[in-house]
Amino acid sequence: MADYRHAAENARRAGFDGVELHAQGSHLIPQFLNPRLNQRTDAYGGSSEKRAQFLLDAMSDVWGSDRISVKMSPGWTSGNAFTADEETLADYDQLLKKLNDSNLAYLHLLGTPGTIEERIALFSRHRAHYQGNIVANLGFTQALGNEILDHRIVNGVSFGAPSSPTEQGRSP
């Protein structure tokens, strides 16, 4: 926790406007959230509530919660340890409900590859549990980003890589 606090203090001193806490993929926080990896018996292990406590404690008091965002990947799968099965997704559903109390700047959620219908279903599930600002990410083109925005289940779309000129509506 001291390292998270120190990083937040450094960001503030450097003039940042806020921080995004990375809790996606195989980073440290998802390892705490994961029932297959987290075998702790202390305050950060056991029930899904206790496993989620690490994330909640990592949200620094250096910033107001409206200057903190969290980036998560509930649907991410990698090997046998990180699987987006119903147990894991149910844990994330509960965590998203808990995050409603945090007044985050936004929740940055990585989706999963798939059709626009599959993406809409996944982000609709997240929206059912989290009422604040949601930014969607993962393989969106401009057209797919606009389509998911049109469904009003997310507030924004982020892009991790530039799209090609053709995807931007321009010829190469």
N, C-alpha and C. Protein backbone atom coordinates (compact mmCIF):
# COMPACT_ATOMS: atom_id res chain seq x y z
N MET A 1 0.82 -1.18 0.00
CA MET A 1 0.00 0.00 0.00
C MET A 1 0.86 1.25 0.00
N ALA A 2 1.99 1.19 0.69
CA ALA A 2 2.89 2.34 0.74
C ALA A 2 3.39 2.70 -0.66
N ASP A 3 3.65 1.70 -1.50
CA ASP A 3 4.12 1.96 -2.86
C ASP A 3 3.05 2.66 -3.70
N TYR A 4 1.80 2.23 -3.55
CA TYR A 4 0.71 2.87 -4.28
C TYR A 4 0.56 4.33 -3.83
N ARG A 5 0.62 4.56 -2.54
CA ARG A 5 0.51 5.91 -2.01
C ARG A 5 1.67 6.78 -2.52
N HIS A 6 2.89 6.23 -2.48
CA HIS A 6 4.06 6.97 -2.93
C HIS A 6 3.93 7.33 -4.42
N ALA A 7 3.46 6.40 -5.22
CA ALA A 7 3.26 6.66 -6.66
C ALA A 7 2.23 7.77 -6.86
N ALA A 8 1.15 7.75 -6.09
CA ALA A 8 0.12 8.80 -6.20
C ALA A 8 0.70 10.15 -5.79
N GLU A 9 1.51 10.17 -4.74
CA GLU A 9 2.14 11.43 -4.31
C GLU A 9 3.09 11.95 -5.39
N ASN A 10 3.85 11.06 -6.01
CA ASN A 10 4.75 11.46 -7.09
C ASN A 10 3.98 12.05 -8.26
N ALA A 11 2.88 11.42 -8.61
CA ALA A 11 2.05 11.92 -9.72
C ALA A 11 1.50 13.31 -9.39
N ARG A 12 1.07 13.49 -8.18
CA ARG A 12 0.54 14.80 -7.78
C ARG A 12 1.64 15.87 -7.85
N ARG A 13 2.82 15.55 -7.31
CA ARG A 13 3.94 16.50 -7.34
C ARG A 13 4.36 16.83 -8.77
N ALA A 14 4.22 15.87 -9.67
CA ALA A 14 4.60 16.07 -11.07
C ALA A 14 3.55 16.88 -11.84
N GLY A 15 2.43 17.18 -11.20
CA GLY A 15 1.41 18.01 -11.85
C GLY A 15 0.32 17.24 -12.57
N PHE A 16 0.22 15.95 -12.34
CA PHE A 16 -0.85 15.17 -12.96
C PHE A 16 -2.21 15.67 -12.47
N ASP A 17 -3.25 15.41 -13.27
CA ASP A 17 -4.62 15.76 -12.88
C ASP A 17 -5.31 14.66 -12.10
N GLY A 18 -4.76 13.47 -12.14
CA GLY A 18 -5.34 12.33 -11.45
C GLY A 18 -4.53 11.08 -11.78
N VAL A 19 -5.01 9.94 -11.33
CA VAL A 19 -4.32 8.68 -11.58
C VAL A 19 -5.31 7.61 -12.03
N GLU A 20 -4.80 6.70 -12.84
CA GLU A 20 -5.57 5.53 -13.25
C GLU A 20 -4.89 4.32 -12.63
N LEU A 21 -5.60 3.63 -11.78
CA LEU A 21 -5.08 2.46 -11.10
C LEU A 21 -5.28 1.24 -12.01
N HIS A 22 -4.18 0.62 -12.40
CA HIS A 22 -4.27 -0.51 -13.33
C HIS A 22 -4.53 -1.81 -12.56
N ALA A 23 -5.70 -2.35 -12.83
CA ALA A 23 -6.13 -3.59 -12.20
C ALA A 23 -6.61 -4.55 -13.29
N GLN A 24 -5.88 -4.57 -14.41
CA GLN A 24 -6.28 -5.41 -15.53
C GLN A 24 -5.20 -6.42 -15.85
N GLY A 25 -5.58 -7.40 -16.65
CA GLY A 25 -4.62 -8.41 -17.11
C GLY A 25 -4.00 -9.15 -15.94
N SER A 26 -2.69 -9.32 -16.02
CA SER A 26 -1.98 -10.08 -14.98
C SER A 26 -1.26 -9.17 -14.00
N HIS A 27 -1.64 -7.89 -13.92
CA HIS A 27 -1.04 -6.98 -12.95
C HIS A 27 -1.28 -7.49 -11.52
N LEU A 28 -0.71 -6.83 -10.56
CA LEU A 28 -0.79 -7.26 -9.17
C LEU A 28 -2.23 -7.33 -8.64
N ILE A 29 -3.00 -6.28 -8.85
CA ILE A 29 -4.35 -6.25 -8.26
C ILE A 29 -5.24 -7.39 -8.76
N PRO A 30 -5.26 -7.71 -10.07
CA PRO A 30 -6.08 -8.85 -10.49
C PRO A 30 -5.65 -10.18 -9.86
N GLN A 31 -4.38 -10.28 -9.49
CA GLN A 31 -3.93 -11.49 -8.81
C GLN A 31 -4.57 -11.59 -7.43
N PHE A 32 -4.78 -10.45 -6.78
CA PHE A 32 -5.49 -10.45 -5.49
C PHE A 32 -6.97 -10.77 -5.70
N LEU A 33 -7.56 -10.26 -6.78
CA LEU A 33 -8.98 -10.49 -7.04
C LEU A 33 -9.28 -11.93 -7.44
N ASN A 34 -8.29 -12.63 -7.96
CA ASN A 34 -8.47 -13.95 -8.55
C ASN A 34 -8.55 -15.05 -7.48
N PRO A 35 -9.68 -15.78 -7.43
CA PRO A 35 -9.82 -16.84 -6.42
C PRO A 35 -8.87 -18.02 -6.64
N ARG A 36 -8.37 -18.22 -7.86
CA ARG A 36 -7.45 -19.32 -8.13
C ARG A 36 -6.03 -18.99 -7.68
N LEU A 37 -5.66 -17.71 -7.74
CA LEU A 37 -4.31 -17.30 -7.38
C LEU A 37 -4.20 -16.84 -5.94
N ASN A 38 -5.20 -16.16 -5.45
CA ASN A 38 -5.14 -15.60 -4.10
C ASN A 38 -5.53 -16.66 -3.08
N GLN A 39 -4.55 -17.22 -2.44
CA GLN A 39 -4.77 -18.25 -1.42
C GLN A 39 -4.47 -17.70 -0.02
N ARG A 40 -4.47 -16.37 0.11
CA ARG A 40 -4.15 -15.73 1.38
C ARG A 40 -5.24 -16.02 2.41
N THR A 41 -4.86 -15.93 3.66
CA THR A 41 -5.81 -16.13 4.75
C THR A 41 -5.93 -14.87 5.62
N ASP A 42 -5.33 -13.77 5.16
CA ASP A 42 -5.38 -12.52 5.92
C ASP A 42 -6.53 -11.64 5.42
N ALA A 43 -6.46 -10.35 5.66
CA ALA A 43 -7.52 -9.41 5.28
C ALA A 43 -7.69 -9.30 3.77
N TYR A 44 -6.73 -9.77 2.98
CA TYR A 44 -6.80 -9.68 1.53
C TYR A 44 -7.04 -11.03 0.85
N GLY A 45 -7.49 -12.02 1.59
CA GLY A 45 -7.74 -13.33 1.01
C GLY A 45 -9.02 -13.94 1.52
N GLY A 46 -9.44 -15.01 0.86
CA GLY A 46 -10.66 -15.69 1.28
C GLY A 46 -11.84 -15.30 0.41
N SER A 47 -12.81 -14.61 0.98
CA SER A 47 -14.04 -14.25 0.26
C SER A 47 -13.74 -13.23 -0.83
N SER A 48 -14.68 -13.10 -1.77
CA SER A 48 -14.49 -12.12 -2.85
C SER A 48 -14.41 -10.70 -2.27
N GLU A 49 -15.12 -10.43 -1.18
CA GLU A 49 -15.06 -9.11 -0.55
C GLU A 49 -13.67 -8.83 -0.01
N LYS A 50 -13.06 -9.81 0.63
CA LYS A 50 -11.71 -9.63 1.17
C LYS A 50 -10.68 -9.50 0.05
N ARG A 51 -10.84 -10.28 -1.02
CA ARG A 51 -9.91 -10.18 -2.15
C ARG A 51 -10.02 -8.80 -2.80
N ALA A 52 -11.21 -8.24 -2.85
CA ALA A 52 -11.43 -6.92 -3.44
C ALA A 52 -10.88 -5.80 -2.57
N GLN A 53 -10.67 -6.07 -1.30
CA GLN A 53 -10.21 -5.04 -0.38
C GLN A 53 -8.85 -4.47 -0.77
N PHE A 54 -8.01 -5.28 -1.40
CA PHE A 54 -6.71 -4.78 -1.84
C PHE A 54 -6.89 -3.63 -2.83
N LEU A 55 -7.78 -3.80 -3.80
CA LEU A 55 -8.05 -2.72 -4.75
C LEU A 55 -8.60 -1.50 -4.04
N LEU A 56 -9.55 -1.70 -3.17
CA LEU A 56 -10.15 -0.57 -2.47
C LEU A 56 -9.13 0.16 -1.61
N ASP A 57 -8.24 -0.57 -0.96
CA ASP A 57 -7.20 0.06 -0.14
C ASP A 57 -6.13 0.75 -0.99
N ALA A 58 -5.91 0.24 -2.20
CA ALA A 58 -4.90 0.83 -3.08
C ALA A 58 -5.34 2.18 -3.64
N MET A 59 -6.65 2.46 -3.60
CA MET A 59 -7.13 3.76 -4.06
C MET A 59 -6.73 4.80 -3.04
N SER A 60 -5.71 5.51 -3.37
CA SER A 60 -5.03 6.43 -2.47
C SER A 60 -5.92 7.54 -1.94
N ASP A 61 -5.61 7.97 -0.72
CA ASP A 61 -6.27 9.15 -0.17
C ASP A 61 -5.51 10.42 -0.55
N VAL A 62 -4.49 10.28 -1.41
CA VAL A 62 -3.73 11.42 -1.89
C VAL A 62 -4.61 12.27 -2.82
N TRP A 63 -5.48 11.61 -3.56
CA TRP A 63 -6.38 12.25 -4.52
C TRP A 63 -7.80 12.09 -4.02
N GLY A 64 -8.67 13.02 -4.40
CA GLY A 64 -10.09 12.79 -4.20
C GLY A 64 -10.53 11.70 -5.16
N SER A 65 -11.54 10.95 -4.80
CA SER A 65 -11.95 9.83 -5.64
C SER A 65 -12.34 10.27 -7.05
N ASP A 66 -12.76 11.52 -7.21
CA ASP A 66 -13.12 12.01 -8.54
C ASP A 66 -11.90 12.24 -9.43
N ARG A 67 -10.70 12.05 -8.88
CA ARG A 67 -9.45 12.15 -9.64
C ARG A 67 -8.78 10.79 -9.80
N ILE A 68 -9.51 9.73 -9.44
CA ILE A 68 -8.99 8.36 -9.54
C ILE A 68 -9.87 7.59 -10.51
N SER A 69 -9.24 6.83 -11.37
CA SER A 69 -9.97 5.89 -12.22
C SER A 69 -9.35 4.51 -12.02
N VAL A 70 -10.09 3.51 -12.39
CA VAL A 70 -9.62 2.13 -12.27
C VAL A 70 -9.79 1.46 -13.63
N LYS A 71 -8.75 0.80 -14.07
CA LYS A 71 -8.79 0.05 -15.34
C LYS A 71 -8.82 -1.44 -15.01
N MET A 72 -9.87 -2.12 -15.46
CA MET A 72 -10.03 -3.55 -15.16
C MET A 72 -10.38 -4.32 -16.43
N SER A 73 -10.19 -5.63 -16.35
CA SER A 73 -10.50 -6.53 -17.47
C SER A 73 -11.24 -7.76 -16.97
N PRO A 74 -12.51 -7.61 -16.58
CA PRO A 74 -13.26 -8.75 -16.03
C PRO A 74 -13.35 -9.95 -16.97
N GLY A 75 -13.35 -9.70 -18.29
CA GLY A 75 -13.50 -10.79 -19.24
C GLY A 75 -12.21 -11.38 -19.75
N TRP A 76 -11.08 -10.94 -19.18
CA TRP A 76 -9.78 -11.39 -19.68
C TRP A 76 -9.52 -12.83 -19.27
N THR A 77 -9.01 -13.62 -20.22
CA THR A 77 -8.66 -15.02 -19.98
C THR A 77 -7.23 -15.26 -20.44
N SER A 78 -6.47 -15.95 -19.58
CA SER A 78 -5.11 -16.34 -19.93
C SER A 78 -4.76 -17.60 -19.15
N GLY A 79 -4.65 -18.70 -19.87
CA GLY A 79 -4.32 -19.97 -19.22
C GLY A 79 -5.43 -20.42 -18.27
N ASN A 80 -5.03 -21.20 -17.27
CA ASN A 80 -6.00 -21.72 -16.31
C ASN A 80 -6.23 -20.79 -15.13
N ALA A 81 -5.30 -19.88 -14.87
CA ALA A 81 -5.41 -19.01 -13.70
C ALA A 81 -6.39 -17.88 -13.91
N PHE A 82 -6.32 -17.22 -15.06
CA PHE A 82 -7.22 -16.11 -15.35
C PHE A 82 -8.27 -16.59 -16.34
N THR A 83 -9.44 -16.87 -15.84
CA THR A 83 -10.53 -17.32 -16.71
C THR A 83 -11.77 -16.48 -16.41
N ALA A 84 -12.46 -16.11 -17.45
CA ALA A 84 -13.68 -15.31 -17.30
C ALA A 84 -14.88 -16.25 -17.23
N ASP A 85 -14.90 -17.07 -16.19
CA ASP A 85 -16.04 -17.96 -16.01
C ASP A 85 -17.10 -17.26 -15.16
N GLU A 86 -18.20 -17.91 -14.94
CA GLU A 86 -19.31 -17.26 -14.23
C GLU A 86 -18.93 -16.89 -12.79
N GLU A 87 -18.10 -17.69 -12.13
CA GLU A 87 -17.67 -17.37 -10.76
C GLU A 87 -16.87 -16.07 -10.74
N THR A 88 -15.92 -15.96 -11.65
CA THR A 88 -15.09 -14.76 -11.69
C THR A 88 -15.91 -13.54 -12.08
N LEU A 89 -16.77 -13.67 -13.08
CA LEU A 89 -17.60 -12.54 -13.50
C LEU A 89 -18.56 -12.12 -12.39
N ALA A 90 -19.07 -13.07 -11.63
CA ALA A 90 -19.95 -12.72 -10.50
C ALA A 90 -19.18 -11.93 -9.44
N ASP A 91 -17.92 -12.30 -9.20
CA ASP A 91 -17.07 -11.53 -8.27
C ASP A 91 -16.89 -10.10 -8.78
N TYR A 92 -16.64 -9.95 -10.08
CA TYR A 92 -16.49 -8.62 -10.65
C TYR A 92 -17.81 -7.84 -10.57
N ASP A 93 -18.94 -8.52 -10.77
CA ASP A 93 -20.24 -7.83 -10.64
C ASP A 93 -20.36 -7.20 -9.25
N GLN A 94 -19.99 -7.95 -8.22
CA GLN A 94 -20.06 -7.44 -6.85
C GLN A 94 -19.08 -6.30 -6.63
N LEU A 95 -17.88 -6.42 -7.19
CA LEU A 95 -16.89 -5.37 -7.06
C LEU A 95 -17.37 -4.09 -7.74
N LEU A 96 -17.97 -4.21 -8.92
CA LEU A 96 -18.48 -3.02 -9.61
C LEU A 96 -19.56 -2.34 -8.78
N LYS A 97 -20.41 -3.11 -8.14
CA LYS A 97 -21.43 -2.53 -7.26
C LYS A 97 -20.76 -1.75 -6.12
N LYS A 98 -19.71 -2.32 -5.56
CA LYS A 98 -18.98 -1.67 -4.46
C LYS A 98 -18.30 -0.38 -4.94
N LEU A 99 -17.80 -0.39 -6.17
CA LEU A 99 -17.13 0.78 -6.71
C LEU A 99 -18.09 1.95 -6.91
N ASN A 100 -19.39 1.67 -6.99
CA ASN A 100 -20.36 2.76 -7.08
C ASN A 100 -20.22 3.73 -5.92
N ASP A 101 -19.81 3.22 -4.76
CA ASP A 101 -19.66 4.07 -3.57
C ASP A 101 -18.41 4.95 -3.62
N SER A 102 -17.54 4.73 -4.60
CA SER A 102 -16.24 5.40 -4.63
C SER A 102 -16.22 6.71 -5.41
N ASN A 103 -17.24 6.99 -6.18
CA ASN A 103 -17.30 8.23 -6.97
C ASN A 103 -16.04 8.41 -7.83
N LEU A 104 -15.67 7.34 -8.54
CA LEU A 104 -14.49 7.38 -9.41
C LEU A 104 -14.68 8.37 -10.55
N ALA A 105 -13.57 8.88 -11.08
CA ALA A 105 -13.63 9.70 -12.28
C ALA A 105 -14.24 8.89 -13.42
N TYR A 106 -13.76 7.66 -13.57
CA TYR A 106 -14.33 6.73 -14.56
C TYR A 106 -13.80 5.33 -14.28
N LEU A 107 -14.49 4.37 -14.81
CA LEU A 107 -14.09 2.97 -14.77
C LEU A 107 -13.71 2.59 -16.19
N HIS A 108 -12.46 2.22 -16.40
CA HIS A 108 -11.93 1.89 -17.71
C HIS A 108 -11.96 0.37 -17.84
N LEU A 109 -12.84 -0.15 -18.68
CA LEU A 109 -13.03 -1.60 -18.78
C LEU A 109 -12.57 -2.13 -20.12
N LEU A 110 -11.72 -3.14 -20.06
CA LEU A 110 -11.31 -3.84 -21.27
C LEU A 110 -12.37 -4.89 -21.58
N GLY A 111 -12.84 -4.88 -22.79
CA GLY A 111 -13.81 -5.88 -23.21
C GLY A 111 -13.10 -7.13 -23.70
N THR A 112 -13.79 -7.87 -24.51
CA THR A 112 -13.22 -9.06 -25.12
C THR A 112 -13.47 -8.98 -26.62
N PRO A 113 -12.62 -9.61 -27.41
CA PRO A 113 -12.88 -9.61 -28.86
C PRO A 113 -14.22 -10.29 -29.14
N GLY A 114 -14.85 -9.87 -30.19
CA GLY A 114 -16.12 -10.48 -30.56
C GLY A 114 -16.95 -9.56 -31.41
N THR A 115 -18.14 -10.01 -31.71
CA THR A 115 -19.05 -9.21 -32.51
C THR A 115 -19.54 -8.01 -31.70
N ILE A 116 -20.13 -7.06 -32.37
CA ILE A 116 -20.65 -5.91 -31.65
C ILE A 116 -21.76 -6.35 -30.69
N GLU A 117 -22.53 -7.37 -31.05
CA GLU A 117 -23.57 -7.88 -30.17
C GLU A 117 -22.98 -8.46 -28.89
N GLU A 118 -21.87 -9.21 -29.03
CA GLU A 118 -21.20 -9.77 -27.85
C GLU A 118 -20.61 -8.67 -26.98
N ARG A 119 -20.06 -7.65 -27.59
CA ARG A 119 -19.50 -6.54 -26.83
C ARG A 119 -20.60 -5.78 -26.10
N ILE A 120 -21.71 -5.57 -26.78
CA ILE A 120 -22.84 -4.88 -26.15
C ILE A 120 -23.35 -5.68 -24.96
N ALA A 121 -23.44 -6.99 -25.11
CA ALA A 121 -23.90 -7.84 -23.99
C ALA A 121 -22.95 -7.73 -22.80
N LEU A 122 -21.64 -7.77 -23.07
CA LEU A 122 -20.66 -7.70 -21.98
C LEU A 122 -20.71 -6.35 -21.28
N PHE A 123 -20.69 -5.27 -22.03
CA PHE A 123 -20.71 -3.95 -21.41
C PHE A 123 -22.06 -3.64 -20.77
N SER A 124 -23.13 -4.22 -21.29
CA SER A 124 -24.45 -4.08 -20.65
C SER A 124 -24.43 -4.75 -19.28
N ARG A 125 -23.76 -5.88 -19.18
CA ARG A 125 -23.63 -6.56 -17.88
C ARG A 125 -22.91 -5.65 -16.89
N HIS A 126 -21.81 -5.04 -17.33
CA HIS A 126 -21.06 -4.15 -16.45
C HIS A 126 -21.90 -2.93 -16.07
N ARG A 127 -22.61 -2.36 -17.05
CA ARG A 127 -23.44 -1.19 -16.79
C ARG A 127 -24.54 -1.49 -15.77
N ALA A 128 -25.03 -2.70 -15.77
CA ALA A 128 -26.08 -3.07 -14.81
C ALA A 128 -25.59 -2.98 -13.37
N HIS A 129 -24.28 -3.05 -13.17
CA HIS A 129 -23.72 -3.04 -11.81
C HIS A 129 -22.99 -1.75 -11.47
N TYR A 130 -22.55 -1.01 -12.46
CA TYR A 130 -21.79 0.22 -12.19
C TYR A 130 -22.50 1.40 -12.84
N GLN A 131 -22.81 2.40 -12.05
CA GLN A 131 -23.59 3.53 -12.54
C GLN A 131 -22.76 4.74 -12.94
N GLY A 132 -21.48 4.77 -12.61
CA GLY A 132 -20.62 5.91 -12.95
C GLY A 132 -20.18 5.86 -14.41
N ASN A 133 -19.21 6.69 -14.74
CA ASN A 133 -18.69 6.75 -16.10
C ASN A 133 -17.90 5.50 -16.44
N ILE A 134 -18.21 4.91 -17.59
CA ILE A 134 -17.49 3.74 -18.09
C ILE A 134 -16.85 4.09 -19.42
N VAL A 135 -15.56 3.78 -19.53
CA VAL A 135 -14.83 3.90 -20.78
C VAL A 135 -14.54 2.48 -21.25
N ALA A 136 -14.96 2.16 -22.47
CA ALA A 136 -14.76 0.83 -23.04
C ALA A 136 -13.48 0.79 -23.86
N ASN A 137 -12.83 -0.37 -23.88
CA ASN A 137 -11.60 -0.53 -24.63
C ASN A 137 -11.49 -1.96 -25.11
N LEU A 138 -10.78 -2.16 -26.16
CA LEU A 138 -10.28 -3.42 -26.71
C LEU A 138 -10.72 -3.62 -28.15
N GLY A 139 -9.85 -3.28 -29.04
CA GLY A 139 -10.03 -3.59 -30.44
C GLY A 139 -11.15 -2.84 -31.14
N PHE A 140 -11.52 -1.70 -30.65
CA PHE A 140 -12.57 -0.94 -31.30
C PHE A 140 -12.02 -0.22 -32.52
N THR A 141 -12.78 -0.25 -33.59
CA THR A 141 -12.55 0.65 -34.71
C THR A 141 -13.41 1.88 -34.43
N GLN A 142 -13.26 2.90 -35.23
CA GLN A 142 -14.09 4.09 -35.05
C GLN A 142 -15.57 3.71 -35.19
N ALA A 143 -15.89 2.88 -36.17
CA ALA A 143 -17.28 2.49 -36.40
C ALA A 143 -17.83 1.69 -35.22
N LEU A 144 -17.06 0.71 -34.72
CA LEU A 144 -17.53 -0.09 -33.57
C LEU A 144 -17.64 0.78 -32.32
N GLY A 145 -16.69 1.70 -32.16
CA GLY A 145 -16.75 2.61 -31.02
C GLY A 145 -18.00 3.47 -31.06
N ASN A 146 -18.31 4.01 -32.23
CA ASN A 146 -19.52 4.82 -32.36
C ASN A 146 -20.76 4.00 -32.12
N GLU A 147 -20.75 2.75 -32.58
CA GLU A 147 -21.93 1.90 -32.40
C GLU A 147 -22.18 1.59 -30.92
N ILE A 148 -21.14 1.28 -30.18
CA ILE A 148 -21.35 0.99 -28.76
C ILE A 148 -21.76 2.25 -28.01
N LEU A 149 -21.23 3.40 -28.42
CA LEU A 149 -21.66 4.66 -27.81
C LEU A 149 -23.14 4.94 -28.10
N ASP A 150 -23.59 4.58 -29.30
CA ASP A 150 -25.00 4.79 -29.66
C ASP A 150 -25.94 4.00 -28.77
N HIS A 151 -25.46 2.88 -28.21
CA HIS A 151 -26.29 2.06 -27.32
C HIS A 151 -26.36 2.64 -25.90
N ARG A 152 -25.56 3.65 -25.62
CA ARG A 152 -25.57 4.37 -24.34
C ARG A 152 -25.31 3.48 -23.12
N ILE A 153 -24.46 2.48 -23.31
CA ILE A 153 -24.08 1.63 -22.18
C ILE A 153 -22.69 1.99 -21.66
N VAL A 154 -21.96 2.79 -22.43
CA VAL A 154 -20.67 3.32 -21.99
C VAL A 154 -20.66 4.82 -22.27
N ASN A 155 -19.78 5.51 -21.57
CA ASN A 155 -19.68 6.96 -21.73
C ASN A 155 -18.57 7.38 -22.68
N GLY A 156 -17.64 6.48 -22.96
CA GLY A 156 -16.54 6.78 -23.85
C GLY A 156 -15.89 5.51 -24.32
N VAL A 157 -15.06 5.65 -25.33
CA VAL A 157 -14.30 4.52 -25.88
C VAL A 157 -12.85 4.98 -25.97
N SER A 158 -11.93 4.12 -25.53
CA SER A 158 -10.51 4.43 -25.69
C SER A 158 -9.90 3.48 -26.69
N PHE A 159 -8.85 3.94 -27.32
CA PHE A 159 -8.18 3.17 -28.35
C PHE A 159 -6.74 2.96 -27.92
N GLY A 160 -6.29 1.70 -27.92
CA GLY A 160 -4.93 1.38 -27.52
C GLY A 160 -3.95 1.42 -28.66
N ALA A 161 -4.45 1.47 -29.89
CA ALA A 161 -3.60 1.52 -31.07
C ALA A 161 -4.31 2.37 -32.11
N PRO A 162 -3.57 3.07 -32.92
CA PRO A 162 -4.23 3.88 -33.95
C PRO A 162 -4.92 3.00 -34.96
N SER A 163 -6.06 3.45 -35.44
CA SER A 163 -6.75 2.69 -36.48
C SER A 163 -6.14 3.03 -37.82
N SER A 164 -6.39 2.18 -38.78
CA SER A 164 -5.85 2.42 -40.12
C SER A 164 -6.63 3.55 -40.79
N PRO A 165 -6.06 4.18 -41.80
CA PRO A 165 -6.78 5.25 -42.50
C PRO A 165 -8.12 4.79 -43.04
N THR A 166 -8.21 3.52 -43.50
CA THR A 166 -9.47 3.00 -44.03
C THR A 166 -10.52 2.93 -42.91
N GLU A 167 -10.13 2.51 -41.69
CA GLU A 167 -11.06 2.43 -40.58
C GLU A 167 -11.52 3.82 -40.16
N GLN A 168 -10.71 4.83 -40.42
CA GLN A 168 -11.05 6.20 -40.05
C GLN A 168 -11.94 6.85 -41.11
N GLY A 169 -12.30 6.09 -42.14
CA GLY A 169 -13.15 6.61 -43.19
C GLY A 169 -12.39 7.33 -44.29
N ARG A 170 -11.08 7.14 -44.31
CA ARG A 170 -10.24 7.75 -45.35
C ARG A 170 -9.62 6.65 -46.19
N SER A 171 -9.40 6.95 -47.41
CA SER A 171 -8.70 5.96 -48.22
C SER A 171 -7.20 6.08 -47.99
N PRO A 172 -6.48 4.95 -48.12
CA PRO A 172 -5.03 4.97 -47.84
C PRO A 172 -4.26 5.85 -48.79
